[in-house]
């Protein structure tokens, strides 16, 4: 997971040790020290502005400096005392064109008049329409600090997407209409270019893979499994495809990608299950069916989480228990295997969805807390659905029967309890796929990303 670089700026007119009529400094230096330490403790890499800013000139010099620093993801403006908002506005407006996030943090406390400085700046930014997040709360309040950190992380992700490229191998798979993308809309909202390649280059590159490259890939794959990597022509094609995807993605400079898989490649050469599983294991955002909405959701959560990400079908929803089974078509990062047993190998298993066959992954996902999320569109406008969830592993006595329920027991399973109104969840959902991310913080991180990109959030 990344570590956002954030400018930390204290502002206020009564600075330089000025005392109030009671003999106390208006600006509490000890509080500022603790606030910075808390943000660093929560994973932010702070670049500190030494001078407390108050005048127009100070604001312009400070914010111009941070605007030009490409490594900066966001700024945190810490209210030291009250301020003349007009001295800050033009410089903040100019900084906002960088696309970097702006947080105003006001720590409670009557002495020093910090709330006044925070509220006047917050209100002034609202008045002229400068996007920002205003946070009022104590540094020892976990939820308050999370609001600051999540916004900075989301700003980092927004900046990563800008000027990047997502690749697509092939066209729309299996007639899936809810994963298609408008390239102009993606460029407008995310600054993302959508590039594409026919799968003929992929097959040609796979066929040109050397025996040495296959042997090296087998070693890489083997470390995630107890069973030996299967031998034979079908297995070799799966491995060749993985090597080819890595090569082309690197050559083209794609930050993430999607692949048609079927129809086409899965009939003509190999199922993509193993390749997709290993790319996910490598921390690379991807999806099948050229479903770019799923691919971007996977990319976001992969970047924001300490764990690998699983996407798969919402194969069954139990309205009585809020239990959802997520079953991917043979694709899952093997490191997500739980206590029931390590990841294993299987055949893709469905000739009507890929006659060429190929290696797939079988496992049950480990227990943990996280989110189910998916980006989609409603009448052409983006929306993201986010729900908190708990992943659990059925008992050893029950697991085989539970896996047989779907008729394809050898595909990867995640058993999930959703912490949301299940009927609202069902009606809001916008795809057959769900993206499962481990980490409770992801809920606020994704909300913050949507806030920064003006995407409607359905947070259940």
Protein backbone atom coordinates (compact mmCIF):
# COMPACT_ATOMS: atom_id res chain seq x y z
CA UNK A 1 0.00 0.00 0.00
CA UNK A 2 1.23 3.47 -0.86
CA UNK A 3 2.23 6.24 1.55
CA UNK A 4 0.79 9.61 0.49
CA UNK A 5 3.01 12.69 0.61
CA UNK A 6 1.13 15.55 2.22
CA UNK A 7 1.99 19.18 2.80
CA UNK A 8 1.24 20.22 6.39
CA UNK A 9 0.53 23.94 6.72
CA UNK A 10 -0.38 25.89 9.86
CA UNK A 11 -2.21 29.16 9.29
CA UNK A 12 -3.40 32.02 11.50
CA UNK A 13 -2.83 35.74 11.98
CA UNK A 14 -1.81 35.72 15.66
CA UNK A 15 1.52 33.95 15.27
CA UNK A 16 5.19 34.34 16.17
CA UNK A 17 4.51 33.69 19.85
CA UNK A 18 1.81 36.38 20.23
CA UNK A 19 0.05 36.04 23.61
CA UNK A 20 -3.63 36.48 24.30
CA UNK A 21 -4.78 38.81 27.13
CA UNK A 22 -4.48 35.87 29.56
CA UNK A 23 -0.82 35.44 28.72
CA UNK A 24 -1.20 32.25 26.66
CA UNK A 25 0.15 31.89 23.10
CA UNK A 26 -2.65 32.02 20.53
CA UNK A 27 -1.02 29.16 18.59
CA UNK A 28 -0.51 25.97 20.56
CA UNK A 29 2.82 24.58 19.35
CA UNK A 30 2.53 21.43 21.45
CA UNK A 31 -0.84 20.63 19.90
CA UNK A 32 0.56 21.11 16.41
CA UNK A 33 3.45 18.76 17.21
CA UNK A 34 1.01 16.07 18.41
CA UNK A 35 -1.24 16.54 15.37
CA UNK A 36 1.65 16.01 12.97
CA UNK A 37 2.84 12.96 14.88
CA UNK A 38 -0.64 11.42 14.72
CA UNK A 39 -0.88 11.83 10.94
CA UNK A 40 2.58 10.33 10.50
CA UNK A 41 1.61 7.44 12.76
CA UNK A 42 -1.38 6.77 10.49
CA UNK A 43 0.78 6.51 7.38
CA UNK A 44 1.09 10.00 5.91
CA UNK A 45 4.49 11.26 4.80
CA UNK A 46 4.40 14.92 5.85
CA UNK A 47 6.31 17.73 4.21
CA UNK A 48 6.07 20.54 6.71
CA UNK A 49 5.72 24.24 6.01
CA UNK A 50 7.93 25.88 8.63
CA UNK A 51 6.37 29.35 8.48
CA UNK A 52 2.84 29.86 9.82
CA UNK A 53 1.04 31.58 6.95
CA UNK A 54 -1.18 34.61 7.41
CA UNK A 55 -0.57 37.23 4.71
CA UNK A 56 -1.40 37.02 1.00
CA UNK A 57 2.28 36.91 0.11
CA UNK A 58 2.99 34.10 2.56
CA UNK A 59 0.01 32.12 1.27
CA UNK A 60 1.01 32.58 -2.38
CA UNK A 61 4.62 31.56 -1.81
CA UNK A 62 3.68 28.53 0.28
CA UNK A 63 0.93 27.18 -1.94
CA UNK A 64 2.79 27.83 -5.18
CA UNK A 65 5.66 25.78 -3.78
CA UNK A 66 3.39 22.84 -2.94
CA UNK A 67 1.53 23.15 -6.26
CA UNK A 68 4.77 22.67 -8.18
CA UNK A 69 5.89 19.66 -6.14
CA UNK A 70 4.74 16.71 -8.28
CA UNK A 71 5.26 14.28 -5.42
CA UNK A 72 2.71 16.05 -3.21
CA UNK A 73 -0.73 14.39 -3.15
CA UNK A 74 -2.62 16.78 -0.89
CA UNK A 75 -2.28 19.50 1.73
CA UNK A 76 -3.59 19.67 5.28
CA UNK A 77 -4.32 23.21 6.45
CA UNK A 78 -4.22 23.18 10.25
CA UNK A 79 -6.07 26.05 11.90
CA UNK A 80 -3.68 27.67 14.39
CA UNK A 81 -5.94 30.60 15.24
CA UNK A 82 -8.31 32.89 13.38
CA UNK A 83 -7.35 34.16 9.96
CA UNK A 84 -8.33 36.72 7.35
CA UNK A 85 -9.75 34.28 4.80
CA UNK A 86 -9.29 36.72 1.92
CA UNK A 87 -5.53 36.41 2.36
CA UNK A 88 -5.75 32.67 1.62
CA UNK A 89 -8.41 32.40 -1.07
CA UNK A 90 -6.60 33.35 -4.28
CA UNK A 91 -3.62 31.16 -3.44
CA UNK A 92 -5.88 28.21 -2.57
CA UNK A 93 -7.90 28.69 -5.75
CA UNK A 94 -4.69 28.58 -7.76
CA UNK A 95 -3.47 25.50 -5.87
CA UNK A 96 -6.79 23.72 -6.50
CA UNK A 97 -6.08 23.64 -10.27
CA UNK A 98 -3.32 21.12 -9.53
CA UNK A 99 -6.02 18.56 -8.72
CA UNK A 100 -4.44 17.83 -5.35
CA UNK A 101 -6.68 17.43 -2.33
CA UNK A 102 -7.26 20.16 0.25
CA UNK A 103 -8.09 19.31 3.87
CA UNK A 104 -8.87 21.91 6.54
CA UNK A 105 -8.39 20.42 10.01
CA UNK A 106 -9.67 22.30 13.01
CA UNK A 107 -8.88 20.85 16.41
CA UNK A 108 -11.50 21.71 19.08
CA UNK A 109 -10.56 24.09 21.86
CA UNK A 110 -11.71 27.52 22.96
CA UNK A 111 -8.26 28.90 23.73
CA UNK A 112 -6.58 30.16 20.58
CA UNK A 113 -9.81 30.63 18.60
CA UNK A 114 -9.02 27.75 16.26
CA UNK A 115 -12.68 26.99 15.37
CA UNK A 116 -13.10 30.54 14.07
CA UNK A 117 -10.09 30.20 11.80
CA UNK A 118 -11.33 26.86 10.52
CA UNK A 119 -14.92 27.85 9.91
CA UNK A 120 -14.19 31.14 8.15
CA UNK A 121 -11.84 29.42 5.72
CA UNK A 122 -14.23 26.51 5.19
CA UNK A 123 -17.12 28.87 4.52
CA UNK A 124 -15.04 31.01 2.17
CA UNK A 125 -13.94 28.01 0.09
CA UNK A 126 -17.58 26.91 -0.14
CA UNK A 127 -18.54 30.43 -1.21
CA UNK A 128 -16.33 30.31 -4.31
CA UNK A 129 -16.68 26.57 -5.01
CA UNK A 130 -13.24 25.21 -4.16
CA UNK A 131 -13.42 21.47 -3.46
CA UNK A 132 -12.07 20.50 -0.04
CA UNK A 133 -12.83 18.43 3.04
CA UNK A 134 -13.42 20.21 6.34
CA UNK A 135 -12.63 18.11 9.41
CA UNK A 136 -13.45 19.29 12.92
CA UNK A 137 -12.29 16.97 15.66
CA UNK A 138 -9.76 15.77 18.20
CA UNK A 139 -6.50 14.12 17.17
CA UNK A 140 -7.24 11.25 19.57
CA UNK A 141 -10.52 10.47 17.82
CA UNK A 142 -9.80 7.61 15.41
CA UNK A 143 -12.73 8.43 13.13
CA UNK A 144 -11.65 12.05 12.83
CA UNK A 145 -8.09 11.15 11.89
CA UNK A 146 -9.41 8.56 9.44
CA UNK A 147 -11.37 11.29 7.61
CA UNK A 148 -8.13 13.20 7.05
CA UNK A 149 -6.03 10.18 6.11
CA UNK A 150 -8.64 8.68 3.76
CA UNK A 151 -8.96 11.94 1.85
CA UNK A 152 -5.20 12.19 1.42
CA UNK A 153 -5.00 8.55 0.27
CA UNK A 154 -7.84 9.12 -2.18
CA UNK A 155 -6.09 12.19 -3.54
CA UNK A 156 -2.97 10.09 -4.06
CA UNK A 157 -5.02 7.57 -6.02
CA UNK A 158 -6.69 10.28 -8.09
CA UNK A 159 -3.26 11.67 -8.97
CA UNK A 160 -1.98 8.18 -9.88
CA UNK A 161 -4.81 7.67 -12.36
CA UNK A 162 -4.26 11.03 -14.03
CA UNK A 163 -2.14 10.68 -17.21
CA UNK A 164 -2.19 6.86 -16.93
CA UNK A 165 -3.37 4.23 -19.42
CA UNK A 166 -5.65 1.23 -19.04
CA UNK A 167 -5.31 -1.48 -21.66
CA UNK A 168 -7.87 -3.85 -23.13
CA UNK A 169 -7.13 -7.17 -24.84
CA UNK A 170 -9.99 -7.92 -27.24
CA UNK A 171 -13.56 -6.66 -27.15
CA UNK A 172 -16.63 -7.05 -24.96
CA UNK A 173 -16.93 -10.53 -23.49
CA UNK A 174 -20.12 -12.58 -23.15
CA UNK A 175 -22.31 -9.63 -24.12
CA UNK A 176 -21.69 -7.87 -20.81
CA UNK A 177 -23.16 -4.38 -21.26
CA UNK A 178 -22.58 -3.13 -17.70
CA UNK A 179 -18.79 -3.11 -18.00
CA UNK A 180 -18.38 -1.05 -21.17
CA UNK A 181 -16.66 2.32 -21.01
CA UNK A 182 -16.86 5.67 -22.79
CA UNK A 183 -13.23 6.69 -23.45
CA UNK A 184 -14.09 10.39 -23.47
CA UNK A 185 -15.86 10.12 -20.11
CA UNK A 186 -12.88 8.30 -18.58
CA UNK A 187 -10.49 10.94 -19.87
CA UNK A 188 -12.73 13.74 -18.59
CA UNK A 189 -13.21 12.35 -15.08
CA UNK A 190 -10.01 10.41 -14.38
CA UNK A 191 -7.49 11.66 -16.95
CA UNK A 192 -7.22 8.02 -18.07
CA UNK A 193 -6.57 6.89 -21.63
CA UNK A 194 -8.17 3.62 -22.77
CA UNK A 195 -5.92 1.70 -25.18
CA UNK A 196 -6.67 -1.65 -26.83
CA UNK A 197 -4.94 -4.55 -28.56
CA UNK A 198 -6.30 -7.50 -30.47
CA UNK A 199 -5.66 -10.88 -28.85
CA UNK A 200 -3.68 -12.01 -31.92
CA UNK A 201 -0.60 -10.21 -30.56
CA UNK A 202 -1.16 -11.90 -27.21
CA UNK A 203 -1.27 -15.37 -28.78
CA UNK A 204 1.77 -14.62 -30.95
CA UNK A 205 3.76 -13.41 -27.93
CA UNK A 206 2.67 -16.45 -25.92
CA UNK A 207 3.81 -18.83 -28.67
CA UNK A 208 7.19 -17.11 -28.82
CA UNK A 209 7.80 -17.62 -25.10
CA UNK A 210 11.01 -19.58 -24.57
CA UNK A 211 11.36 -22.77 -22.52
CA UNK A 212 13.56 -20.83 -20.09
CA UNK A 213 10.81 -18.25 -19.58
CA UNK A 214 8.26 -20.98 -18.96
CA UNK A 215 10.56 -22.66 -16.42
CA UNK A 216 11.10 -19.35 -14.61
CA UNK A 217 7.35 -18.66 -14.54
CA UNK A 218 6.72 -22.14 -13.11
CA UNK A 219 9.11 -21.35 -10.24
CA UNK A 220 7.35 -18.05 -9.60
CA UNK A 221 3.92 -19.71 -9.55
CA UNK A 222 5.01 -22.75 -7.50
CA UNK A 223 5.85 -20.75 -4.37
CA UNK A 224 2.14 -20.03 -3.80
CA UNK A 225 1.08 -23.69 -3.99
CA UNK A 226 1.75 -26.99 -2.23
CA UNK A 227 0.71 -29.10 -5.24
CA UNK A 228 3.09 -29.12 -8.17
CA UNK A 229 2.22 -26.90 -11.11
CA UNK A 230 0.52 -29.15 -13.69
CA UNK A 231 2.48 -30.38 -16.71
CA UNK A 232 1.37 -30.80 -20.29
CA UNK A 233 0.34 -28.75 -23.29
CA UNK A 234 -2.77 -27.18 -21.70
CA UNK A 235 -0.82 -26.12 -18.62
CA UNK A 236 2.02 -24.75 -20.74
CA UNK A 237 -0.40 -22.60 -22.73
CA UNK A 238 -1.77 -21.15 -19.48
CA UNK A 239 1.75 -20.28 -18.37
CA UNK A 240 2.73 -18.90 -21.77
CA UNK A 241 -0.32 -16.64 -21.67
CA UNK A 242 0.70 -15.31 -18.25
CA UNK A 243 4.21 -14.51 -19.50
CA UNK A 244 2.79 -12.85 -22.63
CA UNK A 245 0.40 -10.63 -20.68
CA UNK A 246 3.23 -9.45 -18.44
CA UNK A 247 5.39 -8.65 -21.46
CA UNK A 248 2.78 -6.68 -23.37
CA UNK A 249 1.49 -4.79 -20.34
CA UNK A 250 5.05 -3.72 -19.57
CA UNK A 251 5.85 -2.85 -23.17
CA UNK A 252 2.72 -0.72 -23.57
CA UNK A 253 3.09 0.98 -20.19
CA UNK A 254 -0.42 0.07 -19.01
CA UNK A 255 -1.13 0.73 -15.33
CA UNK A 256 -3.94 -1.85 -15.36
CA UNK A 257 -5.92 -3.78 -17.96
CA UNK A 258 -8.91 -5.94 -18.83
CA UNK A 259 -9.12 -8.96 -21.11
CA UNK A 260 -12.00 -10.40 -23.14
CA UNK A 261 -11.16 -14.02 -22.25
CA UNK A 262 -14.28 -15.44 -23.87
CA UNK A 263 -15.47 -15.76 -26.57
CA UNK A 264 -12.25 -15.93 -28.53
CA UNK A 265 -9.09 -16.49 -26.52
CA UNK A 266 -10.62 -19.16 -24.27
CA UNK A 267 -11.65 -21.15 -27.36
CA UNK A 268 -8.61 -20.50 -29.53
CA UNK A 269 -5.70 -20.73 -27.11
CA UNK A 270 -6.25 -20.91 -23.34
CA UNK A 271 -8.51 -19.88 -20.50
CA UNK A 272 -7.11 -16.83 -18.73
CA UNK A 273 -7.69 -18.03 -15.14
CA UNK A 274 -4.07 -18.69 -14.16
CA UNK A 275 -2.73 -15.55 -15.84
CA UNK A 276 -5.36 -13.35 -14.22
CA UNK A 277 -4.78 -14.94 -10.82
CA UNK A 278 -1.06 -14.31 -10.97
CA UNK A 279 -1.45 -10.74 -12.21
CA UNK A 280 -3.74 -10.07 -9.25
CA UNK A 281 -1.15 -11.72 -7.01
CA UNK A 282 1.46 -9.36 -8.43
CA UNK A 283 -0.68 -6.41 -7.32
CA UNK A 284 -1.90 -5.55 -10.79
CA UNK A 285 -5.44 -4.29 -11.38
CA UNK A 286 -7.29 -6.40 -13.93
CA UNK A 287 -10.62 -7.96 -14.90
CA UNK A 288 -12.16 -10.26 -17.49
CA UNK A 289 -14.81 -9.71 -20.20
CA UNK A 290 -13.19 -6.32 -20.94
CA UNK A 291 -15.21 -5.08 -17.96
CA UNK A 292 -13.45 -1.79 -17.31
CA UNK A 293 -15.69 -0.83 -14.38
CA UNK A 294 -14.56 -3.95 -12.53
CA UNK A 295 -10.95 -3.35 -13.58
CA UNK A 296 -10.92 0.17 -12.14
CA UNK A 297 -12.55 -1.01 -8.90
CA UNK A 298 -9.88 -3.71 -8.58
CA UNK A 299 -7.17 -1.14 -9.31
CA UNK A 300 -8.43 1.26 -6.63
CA UNK A 301 -8.75 -1.37 -3.92
CA UNK A 302 -5.43 -3.01 -4.81
CA UNK A 303 -3.66 0.32 -4.37
CA UNK A 304 -5.46 1.11 -1.11
CA UNK A 305 -5.23 -2.30 0.58
CA UNK A 306 -2.44 -4.28 2.21
CA UNK A 307 -3.97 -7.49 0.84
CA UNK A 308 -4.60 -8.81 -2.64
CA UNK A 309 -8.04 -8.32 -4.21
CA UNK A 310 -10.61 -10.86 -5.39
CA UNK A 311 -13.29 -10.22 -7.97
CA UNK A 312 -15.96 -12.74 -8.89
CA UNK A 313 -19.63 -13.34 -9.50
CA UNK A 314 -22.20 -12.57 -6.83
CA UNK A 315 -23.16 -16.20 -7.29
CA UNK A 316 -25.75 -16.42 -4.53
CA UNK A 317 -27.35 -14.00 -2.08
CA UNK A 318 -29.19 -15.27 1.00
CA UNK A 319 -31.70 -12.61 2.04
CA UNK A 320 -32.30 -14.28 5.41
CA UNK A 321 -28.67 -14.31 6.57
CA UNK A 322 -27.08 -11.54 4.43
CA UNK A 323 -24.64 -14.18 3.20
CA UNK A 324 -23.18 -13.80 -0.28
CA UNK A 325 -21.08 -16.33 -2.14
CA UNK A 326 -18.54 -14.79 -4.49
CA UNK A 327 -17.28 -17.33 -6.99
CA UNK A 328 -14.79 -16.31 -9.65
CA UNK A 329 -14.46 -18.29 -12.88
CA UNK A 330 -11.26 -19.99 -11.76
CA UNK A 331 -9.47 -16.73 -10.95
CA UNK A 332 -8.24 -15.64 -7.52
CA UNK A 333 -4.87 -14.54 -6.11
CA UNK A 334 -3.57 -17.67 -4.33
CA UNK A 335 -2.32 -15.77 -1.27
CA UNK A 336 -5.95 -15.27 -0.21
CA UNK A 337 -6.33 -18.97 0.66
CA UNK A 338 -7.55 -19.46 4.22
CA UNK A 339 -7.11 -21.99 7.01
CA UNK A 340 -9.15 -24.63 5.22
CA UNK A 341 -6.17 -25.25 2.98
CA UNK A 342 -3.68 -23.73 0.56
CA UNK A 343 -4.56 -22.77 -2.99
CA UNK A 344 -4.68 -25.64 -5.47
CA UNK A 345 -5.02 -26.19 -9.20
CA UNK A 346 -8.02 -27.27 -11.28
CA UNK A 347 -9.13 -27.29 -14.89
CA UNK A 348 -11.23 -24.40 -16.10
CA UNK A 349 -13.97 -26.97 -16.44
CA UNK A 350 -16.62 -25.35 -18.65
CA UNK A 351 -16.17 -26.17 -22.37
CA UNK A 352 -19.01 -23.83 -23.36
CA UNK A 353 -16.95 -20.95 -21.98
CA UNK A 354 -13.59 -21.89 -23.47
CA UNK A 355 -12.95 -25.14 -25.32
CA UNK A 356 -9.16 -24.70 -25.15
CA UNK A 357 -9.18 -25.35 -21.39
CA UNK A 358 -6.53 -24.13 -18.99
CA UNK A 359 -5.37 -24.10 -15.39
CA UNK A 360 -7.70 -22.52 -12.87
CA UNK A 361 -7.30 -21.84 -9.14
CA UNK A 362 -9.25 -23.52 -6.36
CA UNK A 363 -9.36 -22.13 -2.83
CA UNK A 364 -11.59 -20.72 -0.10
CA UNK A 365 -10.79 -17.13 0.81
CA UNK A 366 -9.49 -16.42 4.29
CA UNK A 367 -11.51 -14.74 7.02
CA UNK A 368 -11.27 -11.01 7.55
CA UNK A 369 -13.02 -7.65 7.56
CA UNK A 370 -13.37 -5.54 4.46
CA UNK A 371 -15.68 -4.21 1.78
CA UNK A 372 -17.62 -5.26 -1.27
CA UNK A 373 -17.54 -2.49 -3.87
CA UNK A 374 -18.23 -1.85 -7.51
CA UNK A 375 -18.02 1.11 -9.84
CA UNK A 376 -20.73 1.31 -12.47
CA UNK A 377 -23.00 3.71 -14.29
CA UNK A 378 -26.63 4.69 -13.95
CA UNK A 379 -28.04 6.33 -17.08
CA UNK A 380 -24.50 7.13 -18.13
CA UNK A 381 -23.29 8.68 -14.87
CA UNK A 382 -20.77 6.98 -12.58
CA UNK A 383 -21.77 5.65 -9.20
CA UNK A 384 -19.94 3.44 -6.71
CA UNK A 385 -21.64 1.00 -4.36
CA UNK A 386 -19.74 0.23 -1.15
CA UNK A 387 -20.74 -2.09 1.69
CA UNK A 388 -18.86 -3.29 4.75
CA UNK A 389 -18.51 -7.04 5.02
CA UNK A 390 -16.98 -9.93 6.94
CA UNK A 391 -15.39 -12.86 5.14
CA UNK A 392 -15.72 -16.21 6.91
CA UNK A 393 -14.68 -19.80 6.32
CA UNK A 394 -17.27 -22.54 6.81
CA UNK A 395 -16.28 -25.39 9.10
CA UNK A 396 -14.28 -28.31 7.76
CA UNK A 397 -17.36 -30.49 8.20
CA UNK A 398 -19.48 -28.21 6.03
CA UNK A 399 -17.05 -26.84 3.46
CA UNK A 400 -17.34 -29.56 0.80
CA UNK A 401 -21.13 -29.43 0.81
CA UNK A 402 -21.04 -25.63 0.67
CA UNK A 403 -18.71 -25.71 -2.33
CA UNK A 404 -20.89 -28.23 -4.16
CA UNK A 405 -23.96 -25.99 -3.91
CA UNK A 406 -23.03 -24.03 -7.03
CA UNK A 407 -22.28 -27.09 -9.17
CA UNK A 408 -18.67 -26.02 -9.77
CA UNK A 409 -16.95 -26.81 -6.45
CA UNK A 410 -13.40 -26.42 -7.77
CA UNK A 411 -13.66 -22.69 -8.53
CA UNK A 412 -12.53 -20.21 -5.84
CA UNK A 413 -15.12 -19.31 -3.20
CA UNK A 414 -15.48 -16.40 -0.80
CA UNK A 415 -18.20 -16.64 1.84
CA UNK A 416 -19.20 -13.14 2.86
CA UNK A 417 -21.63 -11.57 5.32
CA UNK A 418 -22.69 -8.11 4.18
CA UNK A 419 -23.32 -5.49 6.88
CA UNK A 420 -26.06 -3.63 5.05
CA UNK A 421 -29.76 -3.75 4.25
CA UNK A 422 -29.75 -6.66 1.82
CA UNK A 423 -32.67 -5.41 -0.27
CA UNK A 424 -31.03 -2.01 -0.75
CA UNK A 425 -27.82 -3.81 -1.62
CA UNK A 426 -29.48 -5.95 -4.28
CA UNK A 427 -31.37 -3.08 -5.87
CA UNK A 428 -28.34 -0.79 -5.91
CA UNK A 429 -25.87 -3.30 -7.33
CA UNK A 430 -24.76 -2.61 -10.91
CA UNK A 431 -22.92 -5.72 -12.18
CA UNK A 432 -22.78 -9.50 -11.81
CA UNK A 433 -19.29 -9.05 -10.37
CA UNK A 434 -18.31 -7.84 -6.93
CA UNK A 435 -14.86 -6.75 -5.85
CA UNK A 436 -13.78 -7.95 -2.40
CA UNK A 437 -11.15 -5.96 -0.56
CA UNK A 438 -9.64 -6.73 2.85
CA UNK A 439 -9.30 -3.82 5.27
CA UNK A 440 -11.94 -1.89 7.19
CA UNK A 441 -10.35 1.41 6.16
CA UNK A 442 -11.33 0.80 2.53
CA UNK A 443 -14.89 1.94 3.21
CA UNK A 444 -13.83 5.51 4.01
CA UNK A 445 -11.02 5.48 1.42
CA UNK A 446 -13.43 4.71 -1.42
CA UNK A 447 -15.97 7.26 -0.20
CA UNK A 448 -13.22 9.87 -0.23
CA UNK A 449 -12.16 8.90 -3.76
CA UNK A 450 -15.72 9.33 -5.00
CA UNK A 451 -15.95 12.69 -3.24
CA UNK A 452 -12.78 13.90 -4.98
CA UNK A 453 -13.90 12.68 -8.43
CA UNK A 454 -17.54 13.79 -8.07
CA UNK A 455 -18.85 10.24 -8.36
CA UNK A 456 -22.14 9.43 -6.70
CA UNK A 457 -21.56 7.19 -3.68
CA UNK A 458 -24.05 4.58 -2.51
CA UNK A 459 -22.47 3.74 0.84
CA UNK A 460 -24.61 1.02 2.43
